[in-house]
Amino acid sequence: MLPLPARAELRRLLTGLDAEFRSRTLHDPDPSHWVDWSGNPYRWWHRRLYEGV
């Protein structure tokens, strides 16, 4: 729904932030942590391990 220039800028910003987050976290190897109580999968950023959790 964003105008093309704003959409491109947001995508560029989020791509960099996603890369930074991935570089500072690890994939959670335990599949039981990948879904909520109803069996719906969590988003990819909830399936990462990072300090403080």
N, C-alpha and C. Protein backbone atom coordinates (compact mmCIF):
# COMPACT_ATOMS: atom_id res chain seq x y z
N MET A 1 0.81 -1.20 0.00
CA MET A 1 0.00 0.00 0.00
C MET A 1 0.86 1.27 0.00
N LEU A 2 2.15 1.12 0.30
CA LEU A 2 3.03 2.28 0.31
C LEU A 2 3.37 2.69 -1.12
N PRO A 3 3.63 3.96 -1.33
CA PRO A 3 4.14 4.38 -2.64
C PRO A 3 5.48 3.70 -2.92
N LEU A 4 5.79 3.51 -4.17
CA LEU A 4 6.98 2.76 -4.57
C LEU A 4 8.27 3.27 -3.92
N PRO A 5 8.56 4.57 -3.88
CA PRO A 5 9.81 5.00 -3.25
C PRO A 5 9.87 4.66 -1.75
N ALA A 6 8.75 4.84 -1.05
CA ALA A 6 8.72 4.52 0.38
C ALA A 6 8.84 3.01 0.59
N ARG A 7 8.21 2.24 -0.25
CA ARG A 7 8.28 0.78 -0.16
C ARG A 7 9.72 0.30 -0.35
N ALA A 8 10.40 0.87 -1.34
CA ALA A 8 11.79 0.48 -1.60
C ALA A 8 12.69 0.86 -0.43
N GLU A 9 12.48 2.03 0.14
CA GLU A 9 13.29 2.48 1.28
C GLU A 9 13.04 1.58 2.50
N LEU A 10 11.80 1.25 2.76
CA LEU A 10 11.47 0.37 3.88
C LEU A 10 12.08 -1.01 3.69
N ARG A 11 11.99 -1.55 2.48
CA ARG A 11 12.58 -2.86 2.19
C ARG A 11 14.09 -2.83 2.41
N ARG A 12 14.75 -1.76 1.98
CA ARG A 12 16.19 -1.63 2.15
C ARG A 12 16.54 -1.57 3.64
N LEU A 13 15.79 -0.83 4.41
CA LEU A 13 16.02 -0.72 5.84
C LEU A 13 15.81 -2.06 6.54
N LEU A 14 14.70 -2.73 6.25
CA LEU A 14 14.39 -4.00 6.91
C LEU A 14 15.36 -5.11 6.51
N THR A 15 15.81 -5.10 5.28
CA THR A 15 16.78 -6.10 4.84
C THR A 15 18.06 -6.00 5.67
N GLY A 16 18.52 -4.79 5.89
CA GLY A 16 19.71 -4.58 6.71
C GLY A 16 19.49 -4.99 8.16
N LEU A 17 18.33 -4.64 8.71
CA LEU A 17 18.03 -5.00 10.09
C LEU A 17 17.88 -6.51 10.25
N ASP A 18 17.23 -7.16 9.30
CA ASP A 18 17.10 -8.62 9.34
C ASP A 18 18.47 -9.29 9.30
N ALA A 19 19.35 -8.80 8.45
CA ALA A 19 20.69 -9.38 8.33
C ALA A 19 21.46 -9.19 9.65
N GLU A 20 21.33 -8.04 10.26
CA GLU A 20 21.99 -7.78 11.54
C GLU A 20 21.46 -8.72 12.62
N PHE A 21 20.14 -8.90 12.68
CA PHE A 21 19.53 -9.79 13.66
C PHE A 21 19.98 -11.22 13.45
N ARG A 22 20.00 -11.66 12.21
CA ARG A 22 20.45 -13.03 11.91
C ARG A 22 21.92 -13.24 12.28
N SER A 23 22.73 -12.21 12.10
CA SER A 23 24.16 -12.36 12.41
C SER A 23 24.40 -12.42 13.92
N ARG A 24 23.48 -11.91 14.72
CA ARG A 24 23.65 -11.89 16.18
C ARG A 24 22.87 -13.00 16.89
N THR A 25 22.17 -13.84 16.15
CA THR A 25 21.37 -14.90 16.75
C THR A 25 21.67 -16.24 16.07
N LEU A 26 21.16 -17.31 16.68
CA LEU A 26 21.32 -18.65 16.13
C LEU A 26 19.95 -19.26 15.90
N HIS A 27 19.86 -20.14 14.92
CA HIS A 27 18.64 -20.89 14.66
C HIS A 27 18.36 -21.81 15.84
N ASP A 28 17.12 -21.83 16.34
CA ASP A 28 16.74 -22.72 17.44
C ASP A 28 16.52 -24.12 16.88
N PRO A 29 17.36 -25.11 17.24
CA PRO A 29 17.24 -26.45 16.67
C PRO A 29 16.08 -27.27 17.23
N ASP A 30 15.41 -26.79 18.29
CA ASP A 30 14.34 -27.56 18.92
C ASP A 30 12.99 -27.23 18.27
N PRO A 31 12.43 -28.14 17.46
CA PRO A 31 11.17 -27.86 16.75
C PRO A 31 9.98 -27.62 17.68
N SER A 32 10.07 -28.04 18.93
CA SER A 32 8.95 -27.80 19.84
C SER A 32 8.81 -26.32 20.15
N HIS A 33 9.84 -25.53 19.90
CA HIS A 33 9.79 -24.08 20.13
C HIS A 33 9.29 -23.32 18.90
N TRP A 34 8.98 -24.01 17.82
CA TRP A 34 8.62 -23.35 16.56
C TRP A 34 7.14 -23.09 16.42
N VAL A 35 6.31 -23.66 17.30
CA VAL A 35 4.86 -23.50 17.18
C VAL A 35 4.27 -23.04 18.52
N ASP A 36 3.14 -22.34 18.46
CA ASP A 36 2.48 -21.93 19.69
C ASP A 36 1.59 -23.05 20.21
N TRP A 37 0.87 -22.82 21.28
CA TRP A 37 0.06 -23.85 21.94
C TRP A 37 -1.02 -24.42 21.02
N SER A 38 -1.44 -23.65 20.01
CA SER A 38 -2.48 -24.14 19.10
C SER A 38 -1.90 -24.84 17.86
N GLY A 39 -0.57 -24.91 17.77
CA GLY A 39 0.06 -25.57 16.64
C GLY A 39 0.40 -24.65 15.49
N ASN A 40 0.12 -23.36 15.63
CA ASN A 40 0.46 -22.39 14.58
C ASN A 40 1.95 -22.05 14.66
N PRO A 41 2.64 -22.01 13.52
CA PRO A 41 4.07 -21.72 13.55
C PRO A 41 4.35 -20.26 13.92
N TYR A 42 5.41 -20.08 14.70
CA TYR A 42 5.87 -18.72 15.00
C TYR A 42 6.58 -18.15 13.78
N ARG A 43 6.67 -16.84 13.73
CA ARG A 43 7.44 -16.17 12.67
C ARG A 43 8.92 -16.52 12.84
N TRP A 44 9.71 -16.35 11.79
CA TRP A 44 11.10 -16.77 11.81
C TRP A 44 11.88 -16.12 12.94
N TRP A 45 11.58 -14.88 13.29
CA TRP A 45 12.36 -14.19 14.32
C TRP A 45 12.06 -14.73 15.73
N HIS A 46 10.97 -15.45 15.89
CA HIS A 46 10.67 -16.09 17.17
C HIS A 46 11.35 -17.45 17.28
N ARG A 47 11.94 -17.93 16.19
CA ARG A 47 12.60 -19.23 16.18
C ARG A 47 14.12 -19.07 16.22
N ARG A 48 14.57 -17.96 16.77
CA ARG A 48 15.99 -17.68 16.90
C ARG A 48 16.37 -17.68 18.38
N LEU A 49 17.61 -18.06 18.67
CA LEU A 49 18.14 -18.02 20.03
C LEU A 49 19.07 -16.80 20.15
N TYR A 50 18.89 -16.05 21.23
CA TYR A 50 19.77 -14.92 21.47
C TYR A 50 19.92 -14.70 22.95
N GLU A 51 20.99 -14.02 23.32
CA GLU A 51 21.32 -13.81 24.72
C GLU A 51 20.20 -13.07 25.44
N GLY A 52 19.93 -13.49 26.65
CA GLY A 52 18.92 -12.82 27.44
C GLY A 52 17.58 -13.54 27.45
N VAL A 53 17.48 -14.64 26.73
CA VAL A 53 16.20 -15.37 26.71
C VAL A 53 16.35 -16.69 27.40
